[in-house]
PDB file of N, CA and C in Angstrom:
ATOM      1  N   MET A   1      58.358 121.465  83.472  1.00  0.00           N
ATOM      2  CA  MET A   1      58.876 121.916  84.726  1.00  0.00           C
ATOM      3  C   MET A   1      59.122 120.768  85.679  1.00  0.00           C
ATOM      4  N   GLY A   2      58.264 119.719  85.604  1.00  0.00           N
ATOM      5  CA  GLY A   2      58.415 118.581  86.464  1.00  0.00           C
ATOM      6  C   GLY A   2      59.775 117.915  86.321  1.00  0.00           C
ATOM      7  N   ASP A   3      60.291 117.836  85.078  1.00  0.00           N
ATOM      8  CA  ASP A   3      61.616 117.263  84.863  1.00  0.00           C
ATOM      9  C   ASP A   3      62.671 117.993  85.645  1.00  0.00           C
ATOM     10  N   LYS A   4      62.564 119.315  85.647  1.00  0.00           N
ATOM     11  CA  LYS A   4      63.565 120.131  86.341  1.00  0.00           C
ATOM     12  C   LYS A   4      63.525 119.893  87.830  1.00  0.00           C
ATOM     13  N   ILE A   5      62.329 119.799  88.378  1.00  0.00           N
ATOM     14  CA  ILE A   5      62.171 119.594  89.838  1.00  0.00           C
ATOM     15  C   ILE A   5      62.672 118.198  90.199  1.00  0.00           C
ATOM     16  N   ASP A   6      62.333 117.188  89.375  1.00  0.00           N
ATOM     17  CA  ASP A   6      62.806 115.811  89.623  1.00  0.00           C
ATOM     18  C   ASP A   6      64.302 115.750  89.562  1.00  0.00           C
ATOM     19  N   TRP A   7      64.898 116.418  88.563  1.00  0.00           N
ATOM     20  CA  TRP A   7      66.348 116.417  88.401  1.00  0.00           C
ATOM     21  C   TRP A   7      67.026 117.074  89.603  1.00  0.00           C
ATOM     22  N   GLU A   8      66.452 118.207  90.046  1.00  0.00           N
ATOM     23  CA  GLU A   8      67.009 118.888  91.227  1.00  0.00           C
ATOM     24  C   GLU A   8      67.009 117.985  92.449  1.00  0.00           C
ATOM     25  N   ALA A   9      65.890 117.302  92.699  1.00  0.00           N
ATOM     26  CA  ALA A   9      65.779 116.414  93.850  1.00  0.00           C
ATOM     27  C   ALA A   9      66.780 115.280  93.763  1.00  0.00           C
ATOM     28  N   GLN A  10      66.914 114.704  92.579  1.00  0.00           N
ATOM     29  CA  GLN A  10      67.879 113.613  92.399  1.00  0.00           C
ATOM     30  C   GLN A  10      69.321 114.092  92.587  1.00  0.00           C
ATOM     31  N   PHE A  11      69.611 115.239  92.071  1.00  0.00           N
ATOM     32  CA  PHE A  11      70.970 115.809  92.214  1.00  0.00           C
ATOM     33  C   PHE A  11      71.280 116.091  93.651  1.00  0.00           C
ATOM     34  N   LYS A  12      70.347 116.670  94.388  1.00  0.00           N
ATOM     35  CA  LYS A  12      70.563 116.979  95.808  1.00  0.00           C
ATOM     36  C   LYS A  12      70.770 115.676  96.625  1.00  0.00           C
ATOM     37  N   ALA A  13      69.988 114.669  96.317  1.00  0.00           N
ATOM     38  CA  ALA A  13      70.128 113.379  97.034  1.00  0.00           C
ATOM     39  C   ALA A  13      71.540 112.782  96.751  1.00  0.00           C
ATOM     40  N   GLN A  14      72.033 112.863  95.518  1.00  0.00           N
ATOM     41  CA  GLN A  14      73.324 112.313  95.195  1.00  0.00           C
ATOM     42  C   GLN A  14      74.425 113.122  95.908  1.00  0.00           C
ATOM     43  N   MET A  15      74.295 114.451  95.959  1.00  0.00           N
ATOM     44  CA  MET A  15      75.249 115.279  96.649  1.00  0.00           C
ATOM     45  C   MET A  15      75.339 114.946  98.110  1.00  0.00           C
ATOM     46  N   ASP A  16      74.167 114.717  98.750  1.00  0.00           N
ATOM     47  CA  ASP A  16      74.170 114.318 100.163  1.00  0.00           C
ATOM     48  C   ASP A  16      74.882 113.000 100.367  1.00  0.00           C
ATOM     49  N   GLU A  17      74.677 112.048  99.434  1.00  0.00           N
ATOM     50  CA  GLU A  17      75.329 110.757  99.560  1.00  0.00           C
ATOM     51  C   GLU A  17      76.867 110.944  99.404  1.00  0.00           C
ATOM     52  N   TRP A  18      77.282 111.746  98.435  1.00  0.00           N
ATOM     53  CA  TRP A  18      78.710 111.958  98.263  1.00  0.00           C
ATOM     54  C   TRP A  18      79.342 112.697  99.457  1.00  0.00           C
ATOM     55  N   LYS A  19      78.622 113.622 100.042  1.00  0.00           N
ATOM     56  CA  LYS A  19      79.121 114.302 101.218  1.00  0.00           C
ATOM     57  C   LYS A  19      79.346 113.304 102.345  1.00  0.00           C
ATOM     58  N   ALA A  20      78.414 112.391 102.527  1.00  0.00           N
ATOM     59  CA  ALA A  20      78.595 111.328 103.516  1.00  0.00           C
ATOM     60  C   ALA A  20      79.824 110.453 103.191  1.00  0.00           C
ATOM     61  N   ASN A  21      80.003 110.176 101.897  1.00  0.00           N
ATOM     62  CA  ASN A  21      81.171 109.383 101.480  1.00  0.00           C
ATOM     63  C   ASN A  21      82.465 110.114 101.788  1.00  0.00           C
ATOM     64  N   PHE A  22      82.507 111.423 101.571  1.00  0.00           N
ATOM     65  CA  PHE A  22      83.713 112.208 101.877  1.00  0.00           C
ATOM     66  C   PHE A  22      83.991 112.150 103.389  1.00  0.00           C
ATOM     67  N   ASP A  23      82.993 112.223 104.185  1.00  0.00           N
ATOM     68  CA  ASP A  23      83.192 112.113 105.648  1.00  0.00           C
ATOM     69  C   ASP A  23      83.789 110.756 106.003  1.00  0.00           C
ATOM     70  N   GLU A  24      83.252 109.715 105.395  1.00  0.00           N
ATOM     71  CA  GLU A  24      83.770 108.372 105.618  1.00  0.00           C
ATOM     72  C   GLU A  24      85.221 108.225 105.157  1.00  0.00           C
ATOM     73  N   MET A  25      85.520 108.784 103.965  1.00  0.00           N
ATOM     74  CA  MET A  25      86.876 108.752 103.437  1.00  0.00           C
ATOM     75  C   MET A  25      87.857 109.459 104.366  1.00  0.00           C
ATOM     76  N   THR A  26      87.432 110.633 104.857  1.00  0.00           N
ATOM     77  CA  THR A  26      88.295 111.401 105.736  1.00  0.00           C
ATOM     78  C   THR A  26      88.593 110.637 107.016  1.00  0.00           C
ATOM     79  N   ALA A  27      87.572 110.009 107.576  1.00  0.00           N
ATOM     80  CA  ALA A  27      87.782 109.194 108.760  1.00  0.00           C
ATOM     81  C   ALA A  27      88.741 108.039 108.514  1.00  0.00           C
ATOM     82  N   LYS A  28      88.616 107.385 107.368  1.00  0.00           N
ATOM     83  CA  LYS A  28      89.548 106.291 107.031  1.00  0.00           C
ATOM     84  C   LYS A  28      90.953 106.819 106.820  1.00  0.00           C
ATOM     85  N   ALA A  29      91.084 107.982 106.236  1.00  0.00           N
ATOM     86  CA  ALA A  29      92.398 108.550 106.001  1.00  0.00           C
ATOM     87  C   ALA A  29      93.135 108.805 107.298  1.00  0.00           C
ATOM     88  N   ARG A  30      92.409 109.174 108.317  1.00  0.00           N
ATOM     89  CA  ARG A  30      93.044 109.426 109.644  1.00  0.00           C
ATOM     90  C   ARG A  30      93.606 108.150 110.236  1.00  0.00           C
ATOM     91  N   GLU A  31      93.076 107.014 109.854  1.00  0.00           N
ATOM     92  CA  GLU A  31      93.495 105.736 110.413  1.00  0.00           C
ATOM     93  C   GLU A  31      94.686 105.099 109.654  1.00  0.00           C
ATOM     94  N   MET A  32      95.048 105.672 108.524  1.00  0.00           N
ATOM     95  CA  MET A  32      96.076 105.122 107.697  1.00  0.00           C
ATOM     96  C   MET A  32      97.495 105.543 108.162  1.00  0.00           C
ATOM     97  N   GLN A  33      98.471 104.818 107.665  1.00  0.00           N
ATOM     98  CA  GLN A  33      99.867 105.200 107.926  1.00  0.00           C
ATOM     99  C   GLN A  33     100.160 106.492 107.125  1.00  0.00           C
ATOM    100  N   ALA A  34     101.196 107.177 107.553  1.00  0.00           N
ATOM    101  CA  ALA A  34     101.498 108.531 107.031  1.00  0.00           C
ATOM    102  C   ALA A  34     101.542 108.573 105.505  1.00  0.00           C
ATOM    103  N   GLU A  35     102.295 107.716 104.873  1.00  0.00           N
ATOM    104  CA  GLU A  35     102.434 107.786 103.395  1.00  0.00           C
ATOM    105  C   GLU A  35     101.093 107.547 102.718  1.00  0.00           C
ATOM    106  N   GLY A  36     100.395 106.530 103.081  1.00  0.00           N
ATOM    107  CA  GLY A  36      99.107 106.275 102.509  1.00  0.00           C
ATOM    108  C   GLY A  36      98.092 107.349 102.819  1.00  0.00           C
ATOM    109  N   GLN A  37      98.237 107.921 103.997  1.00  0.00           N
ATOM    110  CA  GLN A  37      97.314 108.964 104.439  1.00  0.00           C
ATOM    111  C   GLN A  37      97.443 110.206 103.567  1.00  0.00           C
ATOM    112  N   GLU A  38      98.683 110.563 103.229  1.00  0.00           N
ATOM    113  CA  GLU A  38      98.896 111.774 102.375  1.00  0.00           C
ATOM    114  C   GLU A  38      98.262 111.557 101.001  1.00  0.00           C
ATOM    115  N   LYS A  39      98.524 110.426 100.383  1.00  0.00           N
ATOM    116  CA  LYS A  39      97.967 110.166  99.060  1.00  0.00           C
ATOM    117  C   LYS A  39      96.441 110.167  99.100  1.00  0.00           C
ATOM    118  N   PHE A  40      95.909 109.481 100.086  1.00  0.00           N
ATOM    119  CA  PHE A  40      94.471 109.390 100.254  1.00  0.00           C
ATOM    120  C   PHE A  40      93.883 110.794 100.447  1.00  0.00           C
ATOM    121  N   ALA A  41      94.519 111.594 101.289  1.00  0.00           N
ATOM    122  CA  ALA A  41      94.015 112.966 101.569  1.00  0.00           C
ATOM    123  C   ALA A  41      94.045 113.820 100.324  1.00  0.00           C
ATOM    124  N   GLU A  42      95.096 113.647  99.498  1.00  0.00           N
ATOM    125  CA  GLU A  42      95.180 114.397  98.243  1.00  0.00           C
ATOM    126  C   GLU A  42      94.073 114.023  97.316  1.00  0.00           C
ATOM    127  N   GLN A  43      93.765 112.735  97.213  1.00  0.00           N
ATOM    128  CA  GLN A  43      92.683 112.283  96.316  1.00  0.00           C
ATOM    129  C   GLN A  43      91.356 112.835  96.815  1.00  0.00           C
ATOM    130  N   ILE A  44      91.142 112.787  98.115  1.00  0.00           N
ATOM    131  CA  ILE A  44      89.898 113.324  98.699  1.00  0.00           C
ATOM    132  C   ILE A  44      89.782 114.820  98.351  1.00  0.00           C
ATOM    133  N   GLU A  45      90.853 115.554  98.530  1.00  0.00           N
ATOM    134  CA  GLU A  45      90.788 117.012  98.274  1.00  0.00           C
ATOM    135  C   GLU A  45      90.499 117.289  96.795  1.00  0.00           C
ATOM    136  N   THR A  46      91.100 116.508  95.911  1.00  0.00           N
ATOM    137  CA  THR A  46      90.832 116.676  94.469  1.00  0.00           C
ATOM    138  C   THR A  46      89.364 116.427  94.179  1.00  0.00           C
ATOM    139  N   MET A  47      88.817 115.378  94.762  1.00  0.00           N
ATOM    140  CA  MET A  47      87.418 115.083  94.532  1.00  0.00           C
ATOM    141  C   MET A  47      86.503 116.109  95.176  1.00  0.00           C
ATOM    142  N   ARG A  48      86.847 116.642  96.313  1.00  0.00           N
ATOM    143  CA  ARG A  48      86.077 117.678  96.921  1.00  0.00           C
ATOM    144  C   ARG A  48      86.017 118.923  96.057  1.00  0.00           C
ATOM    145  N   LYS A  49      87.140 119.269  95.479  1.00  0.00           N
ATOM    146  CA  LYS A  49      87.141 120.427  94.591  1.00  0.00           C
ATOM    147  C   LYS A  49      86.240 120.196  93.368  1.00  0.00           C
ATOM    148  N   GLN A  50      86.305 118.982  92.837  1.00  0.00           N
ATOM    149  CA  GLN A  50      85.467 118.666  91.701  1.00  0.00           C
ATOM    150  C   GLN A  50      84.003 118.692  92.121  1.00  0.00           C
ATOM    151  N   ARG A  51      83.708 118.187  93.331  1.00  0.00           N
ATOM    152  CA  ARG A  51      82.314 118.229  93.815  1.00  0.00           C
ATOM    153  C   ARG A  51      81.857 119.670  93.962  1.00  0.00           C
ATOM    154  N   ASP A  52      82.704 120.532  94.503  1.00  0.00           N
ATOM    155  CA  ASP A  52      82.351 121.933  94.660  1.00  0.00           C
ATOM    156  C   ASP A  52      82.041 122.595  93.328  1.00  0.00           C
ATOM    157  N   GLU A  53      82.833 122.277  92.312  1.00  0.00           N
ATOM    158  CA  GLU A  53      82.631 122.785  90.966  1.00  0.00           C
ATOM    159  C   GLU A  53      81.301 122.284  90.413  1.00  0.00           C
ATOM    160  N   MET A  54      81.009 121.031  90.659  1.00  0.00           N
ATOM    161  CA  MET A  54      79.764 120.448  90.211  1.00  0.00           C
ATOM    162  C   MET A  54      78.579 121.112  90.883  1.00  0.00           C
ATOM    163  N   GLU A  55      78.709 121.421  92.150  1.00  0.00           N
ATOM    164  CA  GLU A  55      77.616 122.119  92.873  1.00  0.00           C
ATOM    165  C   GLU A  55      77.373 123.491  92.267  1.00  0.00           C
ATOM    166  N   LYS A  56      78.449 124.162  91.839  1.00  0.00           N
ATOM    167  CA  LYS A  56      78.277 125.453  91.220  1.00  0.00           C
ATOM    168  C   LYS A  56      77.469 125.307  89.899  1.00  0.00           C
ATOM    169  N   LYS A  57      77.814 124.301  89.136  1.00  0.00           N
ATOM    170  CA  LYS A  57      77.070 124.047  87.895  1.00  0.00           C
ATOM    171  C   LYS A  57      75.628 123.719  88.154  1.00  0.00           C
ATOM    172  N   PHE A  58      75.375 122.941  89.218  1.00  0.00           N
ATOM    173  CA  PHE A  58      74.039 122.624  89.591  1.00  0.00           C
ATOM    174  C   PHE A  58      73.249 123.893  89.923  1.00  0.00           C
ATOM    175  N   GLU A  59      73.843 124.780  90.715  1.00  0.00           N
ATOM    176  CA  GLU A  59      73.159 126.013  91.098  1.00  0.00           C
ATOM    177  C   GLU A  59      72.898 126.877  89.888  1.00  0.00           C
ATOM    178  N   GLU A  60      73.841 126.927  88.960  1.00  0.00           N
ATOM    179  CA  GLU A  60      73.613 127.708  87.732  1.00  0.00           C
ATOM    180  C   GLU A  60      72.434 127.129  86.965  1.00  0.00           C
ATOM    181  N   ALA A  61      72.385 125.789  86.858  1.00  0.00           N
ATOM    182  CA  ALA A  61      71.255 125.152  86.136  1.00  0.00           C
ATOM    183  C   ALA A  61      69.956 125.383  86.852  1.00  0.00           C
ATOM    184  N   ARG A  62      69.960 125.287  88.155  1.00  0.00           N
ATOM    185  CA  ARG A  62      68.777 125.438  88.994  1.00  0.00           C
ATOM    186  C   ARG A  62      68.203 126.867  88.803  1.00  0.00           C
ATOM    187  N   LYS A  63      69.048 127.854  88.728  1.00  0.00           N
ATOM    188  CA  LYS A  63      68.600 129.231  88.620  1.00  0.00           C
ATOM    189  C   LYS A  63      68.330 129.705  87.188  1.00  0.00           C
ATOM    190  N   ALA A  64      68.720 128.905  86.220  1.00  0.00           N
ATOM    191  CA  ALA A  64      68.576 129.278  84.825  1.00  0.00           C
ATOM    192  C   ALA A  64      67.113 129.337  84.421  1.00  0.00           C
ATOM    193  N   GLN A  65      66.822 130.191  83.504  1.00  0.00           N
ATOM    194  CA  GLN A  65      65.513 130.256  82.896  1.00  0.00           C
ATOM    195  C   GLN A  65      65.299 128.988  82.076  1.00  0.00           C
ATOM    196  N   MET A  66      64.070 128.649  81.819  1.00  0.00           N
ATOM    197  CA  MET A  66      63.798 127.425  81.099  1.00  0.00           C
ATOM    198  C   MET A  66      64.562 127.311  79.787  1.00  0.00           C
ATOM    199  N   ALA A  67      64.681 128.418  79.064  1.00  0.00           N
ATOM    200  CA  ALA A  67      65.397 128.406  77.774  1.00  0.00           C
ATOM    201  C   ALA A  67      66.836 128.017  77.949  1.00  0.00           C
ATOM    202  N   GLN A  68      67.438 128.385  79.028  1.00  0.00           N
ATOM    203  CA  GLN A  68      68.836 128.066  79.300  1.00  0.00           C
ATOM    204  C   GLN A  68      69.003 126.769  80.062  1.00  0.00           C
ATOM    205  N   TRP A  69      67.924 126.317  80.671  1.00  0.00           N
ATOM    206  CA  TRP A  69      68.029 125.205  81.588  1.00  0.00           C
ATOM    207  C   TRP A  69      68.591 123.932  80.962  1.00  0.00           C
ATOM    208  N   ALA A  70      68.159 123.603  79.742  1.00  0.00           N
ATOM    209  CA  ALA A  70      68.627 122.356  79.137  1.00  0.00           C
ATOM    210  C   ALA A  70      70.108 122.372  78.954  1.00  0.00           C
ATOM    211  N   GLU A  71      70.662 123.471  78.509  1.00  0.00           N
ATOM    212  CA  GLU A  71      72.120 123.573  78.328  1.00  0.00           C
ATOM    213  C   GLU A  71      72.866 123.492  79.675  1.00  0.00           C
ATOM    214  N   MET A  72      72.360 124.194  80.682  1.00  0.00           N
ATOM    215  CA  MET A  72      72.977 124.157  81.989  1.00  0.00           C
ATOM    216  C   MET A  72      72.878 122.765  82.606  1.00  0.00           C
ATOM    217  N   LYS A  73      71.727 122.119  82.395  1.00  0.00           N
ATOM    218  CA  LYS A  73      71.529 120.768  82.908  1.00  0.00           C
ATOM    219  C   LYS A  73      72.557 119.799  82.288  1.00  0.00           C
ATOM    220  N   ASP A  74      72.773 119.942  80.980  1.00  0.00           N
ATOM    221  CA  ASP A  74      73.739 119.075  80.307  1.00  0.00           C
ATOM    222  C   ASP A  74      75.127 119.238  80.887  1.00  0.00           C
ATOM    223  N   ARG A  75      75.526 120.487  81.190  1.00  0.00           N
ATOM    224  CA  ARG A  75      76.841 120.722  81.790  1.00  0.00           C
ATOM    225  C   ARG A  75      76.910 120.086  83.198  1.00  0.00           C
ATOM    226  N   ALA A  76      75.868 120.283  83.964  1.00  0.00           N
ATOM    227  CA  ALA A  76      75.850 119.722  85.348  1.00  0.00           C
ATOM    228  C   ALA A  76      75.838 118.219  85.288  1.00  0.00           C
ATOM    229  N   ASP A  77      75.059 117.642  84.346  1.00  0.00           N
ATOM    230  CA  ASP A  77      75.014 116.187  84.203  1.00  0.00           C
ATOM    231  C   ASP A  77      76.403 115.627  83.840  1.00  0.00           C
ATOM    232  N   LYS A  78      77.106 116.310  82.966  1.00  0.00           N
ATOM    233  CA  LYS A  78      78.464 115.855  82.607  1.00  0.00           C
ATOM    234  C   LYS A  78      79.380 115.864  83.836  1.00  0.00           C
ATOM    235  N   ALA A  79      79.325 116.914  84.592  1.00  0.00           N
ATOM    236  CA  ALA A  79      80.126 116.996  85.801  1.00  0.00           C
ATOM    237  C   ALA A  79      79.737 115.910  86.791  1.00  0.00           C
ATOM    238  N   TRP A  80      78.439 115.640  86.887  1.00  0.00           N
ATOM    239  CA  TRP A  80      77.899 114.582  87.741  1.00  0.00           C
ATOM    240  C   TRP A  80      78.495 113.222  87.328  1.00  0.00           C
ATOM    241  N   ASP A  81      78.420 112.951  86.033  1.00  0.00           N
ATOM    242  CA  ASP A  81      78.924 111.642  85.538  1.00  0.00           C
ATOM    243  C   ASP A  81      80.433 111.512  85.851  1.00  0.00           C
ATOM    244  N   GLU A  82      81.179 112.585  85.624  1.00  0.00           N
ATOM    245  CA  GLU A  82      82.623 112.540  85.911  1.00  0.00           C
ATOM    246  C   GLU A  82      82.875 112.258  87.429  1.00  0.00           C
ATOM    247  N   MET A  83      82.124 112.936  88.245  1.00  0.00           N
ATOM    248  CA  MET A  83      82.262 112.739  89.683  1.00  0.00           C
ATOM    249  C   MET A  83      81.887 111.325  90.113  1.00  0.00           C
ATOM    250  N   ALA A  84      80.833 110.825  89.547  1.00  0.00           N
ATOM    251  CA  ALA A  84      80.380 109.457  89.866  1.00  0.00           C
ATOM    252  C   ALA A  84      81.457 108.450  89.508  1.00  0.00           C
ATOM    253  N   GLN A  85      82.089 108.639  88.349  1.00  0.00           N
ATOM    254  CA  GLN A  85      83.153 107.746  87.911  1.00  0.00           C
ATOM    255  C   GLN A  85      84.378 107.817  88.833  1.00  0.00           C
ATOM    256  N   LYS A  86      84.738 109.049  89.210  1.00  0.00           N
ATOM    257  CA  LYS A  86      85.887 109.225  90.124  1.00  0.00           C
ATOM    258  C   LYS A  86      85.603 108.565  91.485  1.00  0.00           C
ATOM    259  N   MET A  87      84.382 108.724  91.993  1.00  0.00           N
ATOM    260  CA  MET A  87      84.061 108.108  93.274  1.00  0.00           C
ATOM    261  C   MET A  87      84.141 106.563  93.152  1.00  0.00           C
ATOM    262  N   GLN A  88      83.610 106.042  92.068  1.00  0.00           N
ATOM    263  CA  GLN A  88      83.633 104.611  91.866  1.00  0.00           C
ATOM    264  C   GLN A  88      85.086 104.111  91.747  1.00  0.00           C
ATOM    265  N   ASP A  89      85.906 104.804  90.970  1.00  0.00           N
ATOM    266  CA  ASP A  89      87.309 104.433  90.828  1.00  0.00           C
ATOM    267  C   ASP A  89      88.040 104.496  92.136  1.00  0.00           C
ATOM    268  N   PHE A  90      87.757 105.539  92.902  1.00  0.00           N
ATOM    269  CA  PHE A  90      88.423 105.761  94.190  1.00  0.00           C
ATOM    270  C   PHE A  90      88.116 104.551  95.112  1.00  0.00           C
ATOM    271  N   TRP A  91      86.842 104.206  95.245  1.00  0.00           N
ATOM    272  CA  TRP A  91      86.479 103.116  96.141  1.00  0.00           C
ATOM    273  C   TRP A  91      87.033 101.786  95.704  1.00  0.00           C
ATOM    274  N   LYS A  92      87.106 101.570  94.351  1.00  0.00           N
ATOM    275  CA  LYS A  92      87.748 100.326  93.849  1.00  0.00           C
ATOM    276  C   LYS A  92      89.219 100.302  94.254  1.00  0.00           C
ATOM    277  N   GLY A  93      89.911 101.413  94.120  1.00  0.00           N
ATOM    278  CA  GLY A  93      91.294 101.460  94.477  1.00  0.00           C
ATOM    279  C   GLY A  93      91.570 101.339  95.970  1.00  0.00           C
ATOM    280  N   PHE A  94      90.623 101.777  96.731  1.00  0.00           N
ATOM    281  CA  PHE A  94      90.772 101.743  98.191  1.00  0.00           C
ATOM    282  C   PHE A  94      90.479 100.353  98.743  1.00  0.00           C
ATOM    283  N   GLY A  95      89.495  99.735  98.141  1.00  0.00           N
ATOM    284  CA  GLY A  95      89.003  98.449  98.685  1.00  0.00           C
ATOM    285  C   GLY A  95      89.939  97.353  98.363  1.00  0.00           C
TER     286      GLY A  95
END
């Protein structure tokens, strides 16, 4: 059970960090010229949707019985890894 609690805490901390990143991205998008702003805003919206889907998977894993938990955790971890890569790629492209 400790692994599940540790995983939940780590996941929540990462989600909080990404939410702060989205706020920062949105603020930067407002400062850009129109063409760049549109593209930037589209990328942010795509990542927000992915983040929302990942949060759903997290909630499913969190609520799952122990027998189902490992499978749900694997799904949420995969979504987490994909989101982390997209965030990293986004910041590389922006910087």
